[in-house]
C-alpha atoms as a PDB file:
ATOM      1  CA  MET A   1      10.352  10.109  -8.962  1.00  0.00           C
ATOM      2  CA  PRO A   2       7.354   8.860  -9.431  1.00  0.00           C
ATOM      3  CA  MET A   3       7.269   5.108  -7.796  1.00  0.00           C
ATOM      4  CA  TYR A   4       3.637   3.067  -7.040  1.00  0.00           C
ATOM      5  CA  ASP A   5       3.386   0.039  -4.379  1.00  0.00           C
ATOM      6  CA  LEU A   6       3.800  -2.861  -6.251  1.00  0.00           C
ATOM      7  CA  GLY A   7       1.314  -5.258  -3.914  1.00  0.00           C
ATOM      8  CA  ASP A   8      -1.067  -2.179  -4.182  1.00  0.00           C
ATOM      9  CA  LEU A   9      -0.421  -1.473  -8.269  1.00  0.00           C
ATOM     10  CA  ALA A  10      -0.884  -5.609  -7.619  1.00  0.00           C
ATOM     11  CA  ASN A  11      -4.468  -5.370  -5.590  1.00  0.00           C
ATOM     12  CA  ARG A  12      -5.925  -2.324  -7.962  1.00  0.00           C
ATOM     13  CA  LEU A  13      -5.516  -3.709 -11.506  1.00  0.00           C
ATOM     14  CA  ALA A  14      -6.890  -7.279 -10.791  1.00  0.00           C
ATOM     15  CA  GLU A  15      -9.945  -5.795  -8.009  1.00  0.00           C
ATOM     16  CA  HIS A  16     -10.655  -3.652 -11.756  1.00  0.00           C
ATOM     17  CA  GLY A  17     -10.286  -7.063 -14.041  1.00  0.00           C
ATOM     18  CA  GLY A  18      -7.504  -5.857 -15.679  1.00  0.00           C
ATOM     19  CA  LEU A  19      -6.118  -8.490 -18.715  1.00  0.00           C
ATOM     20  CA  LEU A  20      -1.957  -6.680 -16.647  1.00  0.00           C
ATOM     21  CA  CYS A  21      -2.986  -8.779 -13.345  1.00  0.00           C
ATOM     22  CA  ASN A  22      -5.847 -10.838 -12.562  1.00  0.00           C
ATOM     23  CA  PRO A  23      -6.316 -12.389  -8.670  1.00  0.00           C
ATOM     24  CA  THR A  24      -4.359 -15.530  -9.323  1.00  0.00           C
ATOM     25  CA  THR A  25      -0.969 -13.583 -10.407  1.00  0.00           C
ATOM     26  CA  ALA A  26      -2.247 -10.786  -8.062  1.00  0.00           C
ATOM     27  CA  GLY A  27      -1.791 -13.325  -5.024  1.00  0.00           C
ATOM     28  CA  ARG A  28       1.520 -14.655  -6.731  1.00  0.00           C
ATOM     29  CA  VAL A  29       2.810 -10.802  -6.592  1.00  0.00           C
ATOM     30  CA  SER A  30       1.544 -11.035  -2.155  1.00  0.00           C
ATOM     31  CA  THR A  31       3.548 -13.690  -1.390  1.00  0.00           C
ATOM     32  CA  LEU A  32       6.835 -12.771  -3.681  1.00  0.00           C
ATOM     33  CA  LEU A  33       6.296  -9.275  -1.083  1.00  0.00           C
ATOM     34  CA  ASP A  34       6.249 -11.383   1.976  1.00  0.00           C
ATOM     35  CA  GLN A  35       9.091 -13.696   1.308  1.00  0.00           C
ATOM     36  CA  CYS A  36      11.883 -10.383   0.064  1.00  0.00           C
ATOM     37  CA  VAL A  37       9.499  -7.170   2.316  1.00  0.00           C
ATOM     38  CA  VAL A  38      11.621  -7.173   5.294  1.00  0.00           C
ATOM     39  CA  ALA A  39      10.150  -4.642   6.942  1.00  0.00           C
ATOM     40  CA  CYS A  40       7.313  -1.879   6.215  1.00  0.00           C
ATOM     41  CA  ALA A  41       5.574   0.696   7.807  1.00  0.00           C
ATOM     42  CA  HIS A  42       2.029   1.876   6.718  1.00  0.00           C
ATOM     43  CA  GLY A  43       0.502   5.583   7.213  1.00  0.00           C
ATOM     44  CA  GLU A  44      -1.733   8.157   6.556  1.00  0.00           C
ATOM     45  CA  ASP A  45       0.551  11.040   5.885  1.00  0.00           C
ATOM     46  CA  PHE A  46       0.550  11.234   1.880  1.00  0.00           C
ATOM     47  CA  ARG A  47       3.196  14.069   1.776  1.00  0.00           C
ATOM     48  CA  MET A  48       5.779  11.933   3.584  1.00  0.00           C
ATOM     49  CA  GLY A  49       5.381   8.576   1.346  1.00  0.00           C
ATOM     50  CA  GLU A  50       3.073   6.995   3.797  1.00  0.00           C
ATOM     51  CA  HIS A  51       0.683   5.005   2.837  1.00  0.00           C
ATOM     52  CA  PRO A  52      -2.856   2.395   4.468  1.00  0.00           C
ATOM     53  CA  ASP A  53      -2.046  -0.073   1.685  1.00  0.00           C
ATOM     54  CA  ALA A  54       1.911   0.108   1.332  1.00  0.00           C
ATOM     55  CA  THR A  55       2.971  -3.505   0.603  1.00  0.00           C
ATOM     56  CA  GLY A  56       7.192  -2.475   1.444  1.00  0.00           C
ATOM     57  CA  MET A  57       7.960  -2.521  -2.583  1.00  0.00           C
ATOM     58  CA  THR A  58       7.839   0.367  -4.749  1.00  0.00           C
ATOM     59  CA  ILE A  59       8.275   0.638  -8.626  1.00  0.00           C
ATOM     60  CA  TYR A  60       8.099   3.187 -10.963  1.00  0.00           C
ATOM     61  CA  MET A  61       5.183   3.750 -12.696  1.00  0.00           C
ATOM     62  CA  PRO A  62       4.938   7.958 -13.555  1.00  0.00           C
ATOM     63  CA  TYR A  63       1.254   9.130 -13.629  1.00  0.00           C
ATOM     64  CA  ARG A  64       0.832  10.246 -16.741  1.00  0.00           C
ATOM     65  CA  SER A  65       3.424   9.922 -19.912  1.00  0.00           C
ATOM     66  CA  THR A  66       4.801  13.763 -19.497  1.00  0.00           C
ATOM     67  CA  ASN A  67       6.394  12.752 -16.476  1.00  0.00           C
ATOM     68  CA  TYR A  68       7.933   9.286 -17.625  1.00  0.00           C
ATOM     69  CA  ASN A  69      11.437   9.444 -18.284  1.00  0.00           C
ATOM     70  CA  ALA A  70      13.331   8.339 -22.226  1.00  0.00           C
ATOM     71  CA  LEU A  71      16.368   7.549 -20.536  1.00  0.00           C
ATOM     72  CA  TYR A  72      14.242   4.402 -17.830  1.00  0.00           C
ATOM     73  CA  ASP A  73      13.947   1.931 -22.018  1.00  0.00           C
ATOM     74  CA  SER A  74      17.497   1.723 -21.236  1.00  0.00           C
ATOM     75  CA  THR A  75      17.880   0.793 -17.311  1.00  0.00           C
ATOM     76  CA  ARG A  76      19.026  -2.864 -17.078  1.00  0.00           C
ATOM     77  CA  PHE A  77      15.429  -3.791 -15.515  1.00  0.00           C
ATOM     78  CA  ALA A  78      13.199  -2.548 -18.562  1.00  0.00           C
ATOM     79  CA  GLY A  79      15.357  -4.637 -20.309  1.00  0.00           C
ATOM     80  CA  ASP A  80      15.220  -7.670 -18.122  1.00  0.00           C
ATOM     81  CA  THR A  81      11.578  -7.553 -18.245  1.00  0.00           C
ATOM     82  CA  THR A  82       8.571  -5.763 -20.214  1.00  0.00           C
ATOM     83  CA  TRP A  83       7.625  -3.130 -17.311  1.00  0.00           C
ATOM     84  CA  ASN A  84       8.613  -0.394 -19.731  1.00  0.00           C
ATOM     85  CA  GLU A  85       5.618  -1.748 -21.894  1.00  0.00           C
ATOM     86  CA  VAL A  86       3.345  -1.869 -19.387  1.00  0.00           C
ATOM     87  CA  LEU A  87       4.192   1.748 -18.028  1.00  0.00           C
ATOM     88  CA  ARG A  88       2.871   2.192 -22.045  1.00  0.00           C
ATOM     89  CA  GLU A  89      -0.331   0.773 -21.678  1.00  0.00           C
ATOM     90  CA  VAL A  90      -1.104   1.966 -18.319  1.00  0.00           C
ATOM     91  CA  THR A  91       0.700   5.373 -18.023  1.00  0.00           C
ATOM     92  CA  TRP A  92       0.058   6.779 -21.648  1.00  0.00           C
ATOM     93  CA  VAL A  93       2.949   7.066 -22.880  1.00  0.00           C
END
């Protein structure tokens, strides 16, 4: 399942001036992650899932529409949030 580090995603979106995440929102995401992440490992071995900009929490984010699983729309998280709608905007779903 394609996953992406939530803090890194927020920071990258904010850096590009996107409407989905501005620097203030990225800061809030960072603060919340600091409060809920118990441990985080950084590394350079991408094959092992390591990443130097990891913040400790990942979120479902397919890299392209062909990787999107339509069953995701029926998950509780998708129902409680608008994340599946965000995916449609940023992953060409």
